[in-house]
Amino acid sequence: MTMKGVSPLIAAVMLIFITMIIAGIMATWSTSLFRAQTSELECLGALSVDYPSFNAGVVDVKIKNTDDKVELTGLRVYLEYSNSSKNKDYLASTYGITDPLTPASVDWFRVDTGDTTVPVSIEVMALSCPKGSVSVNF
Protein backbone atom coordinates (compact mmCIF):
# COMPACT_ATOMS: atom_id res chain seq x y z
CA MET A 1 0.00 0.00 0.00
CA THR A 2 1.44 3.34 -1.02
CA MET A 3 0.82 6.37 1.15
CA LYS A 4 0.26 9.70 -0.46
CA GLY A 5 0.65 13.06 1.22
CA VAL A 6 1.32 16.69 0.57
CA SER A 7 4.67 17.43 -0.94
CA PRO A 8 7.14 19.27 1.33
CA LEU A 9 7.13 22.30 -0.98
CA ILE A 10 3.34 22.70 -0.86
CA ALA A 11 3.38 22.20 2.92
CA ALA A 12 5.99 24.94 3.33
CA VAL A 13 3.99 27.34 1.12
CA MET A 14 0.82 26.61 3.12
CA LEU A 15 2.59 27.24 6.43
CA ILE A 16 3.95 30.57 5.16
CA PHE A 17 0.49 31.53 3.82
CA ILE A 18 -1.23 30.73 7.15
CA THR A 19 1.47 32.60 9.09
CA MET A 20 1.02 35.68 6.89
CA ILE A 21 -2.77 35.62 7.41
CA ILE A 22 -2.34 35.46 11.19
CA ALA A 23 0.26 38.26 11.08
CA GLY A 24 -2.14 40.44 9.05
CA ILE A 25 -4.98 39.89 11.51
CA MET A 26 -2.72 40.71 14.47
CA ALA A 27 -1.38 43.85 12.75
CA THR A 28 -4.90 45.13 12.01
CA TRP A 29 -6.06 44.46 15.57
CA SER A 30 -3.03 46.09 17.22
CA THR A 31 -3.22 49.15 14.94
CA SER A 32 -6.88 49.78 15.78
CA LEU A 33 -6.20 49.27 19.49
CA PHE A 34 -3.26 51.69 19.42
CA ARG A 35 -5.23 54.28 17.43
CA ALA A 36 -8.14 54.20 19.92
CA GLN A 37 -5.84 54.64 22.91
CA THR A 38 -3.89 57.42 21.21
CA SER A 39 -7.02 59.41 20.35
CA GLU A 40 -8.12 59.28 24.01
CA LEU A 41 -4.72 60.52 25.13
CA GLU A 42 -4.66 63.32 22.56
CA CYS A 43 -7.72 64.97 24.03
CA LEU A 44 -6.56 64.87 27.67
CA GLY A 45 -5.90 68.43 28.74
CA ALA A 46 -7.68 69.86 25.71
CA LEU A 47 -10.53 71.28 27.79
CA SER A 48 -10.03 74.32 30.02
CA VAL A 49 -12.63 75.95 32.27
CA ASP A 50 -11.96 79.39 33.75
CA TYR A 51 -13.65 82.28 35.50
CA PRO A 52 -16.74 80.60 36.94
CA SER A 53 -19.12 83.20 38.35
CA PHE A 54 -22.56 83.22 39.89
CA ASN A 55 -24.73 86.32 40.08
CA ALA A 56 -28.46 86.35 40.91
CA GLY A 57 -29.01 82.82 39.61
CA VAL A 58 -26.92 83.24 36.46
CA VAL A 59 -23.85 81.04 35.94
CA ASP A 60 -21.08 82.20 33.60
CA VAL A 61 -17.98 80.21 32.74
CA LYS A 62 -15.30 80.45 30.05
CA ILE A 63 -14.75 77.18 28.14
CA LYS A 64 -11.63 76.82 26.01
CA ASN A 65 -10.27 74.13 23.72
CA THR A 66 -6.53 74.39 24.42
CA ASP A 67 -5.50 71.74 21.89
CA ASP A 68 -4.40 72.67 18.38
CA LYS A 69 -5.76 69.50 16.68
CA VAL A 70 -8.69 68.00 18.62
CA GLU A 71 -12.30 69.10 18.15
CA LEU A 72 -14.44 68.79 21.28
CA THR A 73 -18.00 67.66 20.58
CA GLY A 74 -21.06 67.10 22.73
CA LEU A 75 -20.09 69.49 25.52
CA ARG A 76 -22.09 69.09 28.72
CA VAL A 77 -22.06 71.32 31.79
CA TYR A 78 -22.92 69.84 35.17
CA LEU A 79 -23.68 72.09 38.16
CA GLU A 80 -23.23 70.46 41.54
CA TYR A 81 -24.94 71.87 44.62
CA SER A 82 -24.51 71.01 48.29
CA ASN A 83 -28.07 69.66 48.10
CA SER A 84 -27.76 66.96 45.43
CA SER A 85 -31.44 67.22 44.47
CA LYS A 86 -30.63 70.62 42.91
CA ASN A 87 -27.82 69.29 40.66
CA LYS A 88 -28.34 70.20 37.02
CA ASP A 89 -26.98 68.92 33.71
CA TYR A 90 -26.97 71.12 30.59
CA LEU A 91 -26.19 70.40 26.97
CA ALA A 92 -23.88 73.33 26.20
CA SER A 93 -24.88 73.68 22.54
CA THR A 94 -28.42 74.68 23.56
CA TYR A 95 -26.91 77.61 25.50
CA GLY A 96 -24.82 79.15 22.74
CA ILE A 97 -21.64 77.06 22.86
CA THR A 98 -20.45 76.10 19.38
CA ASP A 99 -20.43 72.37 18.72
CA PRO A 100 -17.86 71.23 17.89
CA LEU A 101 -15.56 73.50 19.88
CA THR A 102 -12.75 73.79 17.34
CA PRO A 103 -9.06 73.66 18.25
CA ALA A 104 -7.75 76.73 20.11
CA SER A 105 -11.20 78.34 20.36
CA VAL A 106 -12.94 79.96 23.33
CA ASP A 107 -16.62 80.30 24.17
CA TRP A 108 -18.70 81.43 27.13
CA PHE A 109 -21.41 79.31 28.73
CA ARG A 110 -24.19 81.30 30.41
CA VAL A 111 -27.33 79.90 31.98
CA ASP A 112 -30.00 81.27 34.28
CA THR A 113 -30.45 78.49 36.83
CA GLY A 114 -33.59 80.01 38.33
CA ASP A 115 -32.08 79.39 41.76
CA THR A 116 -30.35 81.81 44.12
CA THR A 117 -28.26 79.04 45.70
CA VAL A 118 -24.61 79.18 44.66
CA PRO A 119 -23.41 75.87 43.17
CA VAL A 120 -20.46 74.11 44.83
CA SER A 121 -18.74 73.27 41.55
CA ILE A 122 -19.14 73.15 37.81
CA GLU A 123 -17.92 70.27 35.65
CA VAL A 124 -17.53 70.47 31.87
CA MET A 125 -17.12 67.35 29.78
CA ALA A 126 -16.98 66.53 26.08
CA LEU A 127 -18.60 63.45 24.58
CA SER A 128 -15.61 63.13 22.25
CA CYS A 129 -13.24 63.06 25.24
CA PRO A 130 -15.00 61.41 28.20
CA LYS A 131 -11.85 61.07 30.31
CA GLY A 132 -10.90 64.73 29.88
CA SER A 133 -13.61 66.40 31.98
CA VAL A 134 -12.69 69.49 34.02
CA SER A 135 -14.22 70.56 37.31
CA VAL A 136 -13.79 73.89 39.13
CA ASN A 137 -15.23 75.19 42.38
CA PHE A 138 -17.11 78.46 42.79
C-alpha atoms as a PDB file:
ATOM      1  CA  MET A   1       0.000   0.000   0.000  1.00  0.00           C
ATOM      2  CA  THR A   2       1.435   3.338  -1.022  1.00  0.00           C
ATOM      3  CA  MET A   3       0.822   6.370   1.150  1.00  0.00           C
ATOM      4  CA  LYS A   4       0.264   9.701  -0.458  1.00  0.00           C
ATOM      5  CA  GLY A   5       0.651  13.058   1.220  1.00  0.00           C
ATOM      6  CA  VAL A   6       1.320  16.688   0.574  1.00  0.00           C
ATOM      7  CA  SER A   7       4.674  17.432  -0.945  1.00  0.00           C
ATOM      8  CA  PRO A   8       7.135  19.273   1.330  1.00  0.00           C
ATOM      9  CA  LEU A   9       7.132  22.301  -0.984  1.00  0.00           C
ATOM     10  CA  ILE A  10       3.344  22.697  -0.862  1.00  0.00           C
ATOM     11  CA  ALA A  11       3.380  22.195   2.923  1.00  0.00           C
ATOM     12  CA  ALA A  12       5.986  24.938   3.328  1.00  0.00           C
ATOM     13  CA  VAL A  13       3.990  27.336   1.120  1.00  0.00           C
ATOM     14  CA  MET A  14       0.818  26.614   3.116  1.00  0.00           C
ATOM     15  CA  LEU A  15       2.591  27.245   6.428  1.00  0.00           C
ATOM     16  CA  ILE A  16       3.948  30.567   5.156  1.00  0.00           C
ATOM     17  CA  PHE A  17       0.495  31.534   3.825  1.00  0.00           C
ATOM     18  CA  ILE A  18      -1.229  30.734   7.153  1.00  0.00           C
ATOM     19  CA  THR A  19       1.472  32.601   9.090  1.00  0.00           C
ATOM     20  CA  MET A  20       1.022  35.677   6.892  1.00  0.00           C
ATOM     21  CA  ILE A  21      -2.772  35.625   7.407  1.00  0.00           C
ATOM     22  CA  ILE A  22      -2.343  35.459  11.190  1.00  0.00           C
ATOM     23  CA  ALA A  23       0.255  38.260  11.077  1.00  0.00           C
ATOM     24  CA  GLY A  24      -2.141  40.438   9.045  1.00  0.00           C
ATOM     25  CA  ILE A  25      -4.982  39.887  11.508  1.00  0.00           C
ATOM     26  CA  MET A  26      -2.718  40.714  14.466  1.00  0.00           C
ATOM     27  CA  ALA A  27      -1.382  43.852  12.750  1.00  0.00           C
ATOM     28  CA  THR A  28      -4.896  45.129  12.012  1.00  0.00           C
ATOM     29  CA  TRP A  29      -6.062  44.460  15.567  1.00  0.00           C
ATOM     30  CA  SER A  30      -3.032  46.090  17.222  1.00  0.00           C
ATOM     31  CA  THR A  31      -3.215  49.150  14.945  1.00  0.00           C
ATOM     32  CA  SER A  32      -6.877  49.783  15.777  1.00  0.00           C
ATOM     33  CA  LEU A  33      -6.205  49.274  19.493  1.00  0.00           C
ATOM     34  CA  PHE A  34      -3.258  51.686  19.424  1.00  0.00           C
ATOM     35  CA  ARG A  35      -5.228  54.283  17.431  1.00  0.00           C
ATOM     36  CA  ALA A  36      -8.135  54.201  19.923  1.00  0.00           C
ATOM     37  CA  GLN A  37      -5.835  54.637  22.912  1.00  0.00           C
ATOM     38  CA  THR A  38      -3.889  57.418  21.209  1.00  0.00           C
ATOM     39  CA  SER A  39      -7.023  59.411  20.351  1.00  0.00           C
ATOM     40  CA  GLU A  40      -8.121  59.277  24.007  1.00  0.00           C
ATOM     41  CA  LEU A  41      -4.715  60.516  25.134  1.00  0.00           C
ATOM     42  CA  GLU A  42      -4.660  63.322  22.556  1.00  0.00           C
ATOM     43  CA  CYS A  43      -7.723  64.967  24.035  1.00  0.00           C
ATOM     44  CA  LEU A  44      -6.564  64.866  27.670  1.00  0.00           C
ATOM     45  CA  GLY A  45      -5.897  68.433  28.741  1.00  0.00           C
ATOM     46  CA  ALA A  46      -7.680  69.862  25.707  1.00  0.00           C
ATOM     47  CA  LEU A  47     -10.527  71.284  27.793  1.00  0.00           C
ATOM     48  CA  SER A  48     -10.032  74.316  30.022  1.00  0.00           C
ATOM     49  CA  VAL A  49     -12.630  75.946  32.267  1.00  0.00           C
ATOM     50  CA  ASP A  50     -11.958  79.388  33.752  1.00  0.00           C
ATOM     51  CA  TYR A  51     -13.647  82.283  35.500  1.00  0.00           C
ATOM     52  CA  PRO A  52     -16.737  80.605  36.943  1.00  0.00           C
ATOM     53  CA  SER A  53     -19.121  83.203  38.348  1.00  0.00           C
ATOM     54  CA  PHE A  54     -22.561  83.224  39.886  1.00  0.00           C
ATOM     55  CA  ASN A  55     -24.726  86.322  40.076  1.00  0.00           C
ATOM     56  CA  ALA A  56     -28.460  86.345  40.906  1.00  0.00           C
ATOM     57  CA  GLY A  57     -29.011  82.822  39.608  1.00  0.00           C
ATOM     58  CA  VAL A  58     -26.917  83.240  36.464  1.00  0.00           C
ATOM     59  CA  VAL A  59     -23.853  81.045  35.944  1.00  0.00           C
ATOM     60  CA  ASP A  60     -21.083  82.203  33.604  1.00  0.00           C
ATOM     61  CA  VAL A  61     -17.982  80.208  32.740  1.00  0.00           C
ATOM     62  CA  LYS A  62     -15.297  80.446  30.050  1.00  0.00           C
ATOM     63  CA  ILE A  63     -14.752  77.184  28.136  1.00  0.00           C
ATOM     64  CA  LYS A  64     -11.635  76.823  26.010  1.00  0.00           C
ATOM     65  CA  ASN A  65     -10.268  74.134  23.716  1.00  0.00           C
ATOM     66  CA  THR A  66      -6.529  74.389  24.421  1.00  0.00           C
ATOM     67  CA  ASP A  67      -5.503  71.737  21.891  1.00  0.00           C
ATOM     68  CA  ASP A  68      -4.397  72.665  18.380  1.00  0.00           C
ATOM     69  CA  LYS A  69      -5.765  69.498  16.682  1.00  0.00           C
ATOM     70  CA  VAL A  70      -8.691  67.997  18.617  1.00  0.00           C
ATOM     71  CA  GLU A  71     -12.303  69.101  18.147  1.00  0.00           C
ATOM     72  CA  LEU A  72     -14.444  68.786  21.277  1.00  0.00           C
ATOM     73  CA  THR A  73     -18.004  67.661  20.581  1.00  0.00           C
ATOM     74  CA  GLY A  74     -21.060  67.096  22.735  1.00  0.00           C
ATOM     75  CA  LEU A  75     -20.086  69.494  25.517  1.00  0.00           C
ATOM     76  CA  ARG A  76     -22.091  69.089  28.717  1.00  0.00           C
ATOM     77  CA  VAL A  77     -22.055  71.315  31.788  1.00  0.00           C
ATOM     78  CA  TYR A  78     -22.917  69.845  35.175  1.00  0.00           C
ATOM     79  CA  LEU A  79     -23.685  72.094  38.161  1.00  0.00           C
ATOM     80  CA  GLU A  80     -23.229  70.462  41.543  1.00  0.00           C
ATOM     81  CA  TYR A  81     -24.938  71.871  44.619  1.00  0.00           C
ATOM     82  CA  SER A  82     -24.510  71.012  48.293  1.00  0.00           C
ATOM     83  CA  ASN A  83     -28.074  69.662  48.100  1.00  0.00           C
ATOM     84  CA  SER A  84     -27.761  66.956  45.430  1.00  0.00           C
ATOM     85  CA  SER A  85     -31.444  67.221  44.473  1.00  0.00           C
ATOM     86  CA  LYS A  86     -30.625  70.624  42.907  1.00  0.00           C
ATOM     87  CA  ASN A  87     -27.824  69.292  40.659  1.00  0.00           C
ATOM     88  CA  LYS A  88     -28.343  70.205  37.018  1.00  0.00           C
ATOM     89  CA  ASP A  89     -26.978  68.920  33.714  1.00  0.00           C
ATOM     90  CA  TYR A  90     -26.974  71.124  30.595  1.00  0.00           C
ATOM     91  CA  LEU A  91     -26.194  70.400  26.967  1.00  0.00           C
ATOM     92  CA  ALA A  92     -23.882  73.333  26.203  1.00  0.00           C
ATOM     93  CA  SER A  93     -24.879  73.681  22.543  1.00  0.00           C
ATOM     94  CA  THR A  94     -28.419  74.684  23.561  1.00  0.00           C
ATOM     95  CA  TYR A  95     -26.905  77.609  25.504  1.00  0.00           C
ATOM     96  CA  GLY A  96     -24.820  79.149  22.736  1.00  0.00           C
ATOM     97  CA  ILE A  97     -21.643  77.059  22.860  1.00  0.00           C
ATOM     98  CA  THR A  98     -20.448  76.102  19.377  1.00  0.00           C
ATOM     99  CA  ASP A  99     -20.426  72.371  18.721  1.00  0.00           C
ATOM    100  CA  PRO A 100     -17.856  71.230  17.892  1.00  0.00           C
ATOM    101  CA  LEU A 101     -15.557  73.497  19.875  1.00  0.00           C
ATOM    102  CA  THR A 102     -12.755  73.790  17.344  1.00  0.00           C
ATOM    103  CA  PRO A 103      -9.063  73.664  18.246  1.00  0.00           C
ATOM    104  CA  ALA A 104      -7.747  76.735  20.105  1.00  0.00           C
ATOM    105  CA  SER A 105     -11.197  78.336  20.358  1.00  0.00           C
ATOM    106  CA  VAL A 106     -12.941  79.958  23.325  1.00  0.00           C
ATOM    107  CA  ASP A 107     -16.617  80.301  24.167  1.00  0.00           C
ATOM    108  CA  TRP A 108     -18.705  81.426  27.134  1.00  0.00           C
ATOM    109  CA  PHE A 109     -21.406  79.313  28.735  1.00  0.00           C
ATOM    110  CA  ARG A 110     -24.186  81.303  30.409  1.00  0.00           C
ATOM    111  CA  VAL A 111     -27.334  79.901  31.976  1.00  0.00           C
ATOM    112  CA  ASP A 112     -30.001  81.268  34.282  1.00  0.00           C
ATOM    113  CA  THR A 113     -30.447  78.485  36.834  1.00  0.00           C
ATOM    114  CA  GLY A 114     -33.587  80.009  38.327  1.00  0.00           C
ATOM    115  CA  ASP A 115     -32.082  79.391  41.759  1.00  0.00           C
ATOM    116  CA  THR A 116     -30.345  81.809  44.124  1.00  0.00           C
ATOM    117  CA  THR A 117     -28.263  79.037  45.705  1.00  0.00           C
ATOM    118  CA  VAL A 118     -24.613  79.177  44.662  1.00  0.00           C
ATOM    119  CA  PRO A 119     -23.412  75.869  43.172  1.00  0.00           C
ATOM    120  CA  VAL A 120     -20.463  74.110  44.830  1.00  0.00           C
ATOM    121  CA  SER A 121     -18.740  73.271  41.554  1.00  0.00           C
ATOM    122  CA  ILE A 122     -19.139  73.149  37.810  1.00  0.00           C
ATOM    123  CA  GLU A 123     -17.921  70.267  35.648  1.00  0.00           C
ATOM    124  CA  VAL A 124     -17.530  70.471  31.873  1.00  0.00           C
ATOM    125  CA  MET A 125     -17.117  67.345  29.777  1.00  0.00           C
ATOM    126  CA  ALA A 126     -16.979  66.527  26.076  1.00  0.00           C
ATOM    127  CA  LEU A 127     -18.604  63.451  24.581  1.00  0.00           C
ATOM    128  CA  SER A 128     -15.605  63.126  22.252  1.00  0.00           C
ATOM    129  CA  CYS A 129     -13.243  63.061  25.243  1.00  0.00           C
ATOM    130  CA  PRO A 130     -15.000  61.414  28.203  1.00  0.00           C
ATOM    131  CA  LYS A 131     -11.849  61.068  30.314  1.00  0.00           C
ATOM    132  CA  GLY A 132     -10.897  64.733  29.883  1.00  0.00           C
ATOM    133  CA  SER A 133     -13.606  66.396  31.982  1.00  0.00           C
ATOM    134  CA  VAL A 134     -12.690  69.486  34.018  1.00  0.00           C
ATOM    135  CA  SER A 135     -14.216  70.559  37.315  1.00  0.00           C
ATOM    136  CA  VAL A 136     -13.787  73.888  39.135  1.00  0.00           C
ATOM    137  CA  ASN A 137     -15.231  75.194  42.381  1.00  0.00           C
ATOM    138  CA  PHE A 138     -17.111  78.463  42.792  1.00  0.00           C
END
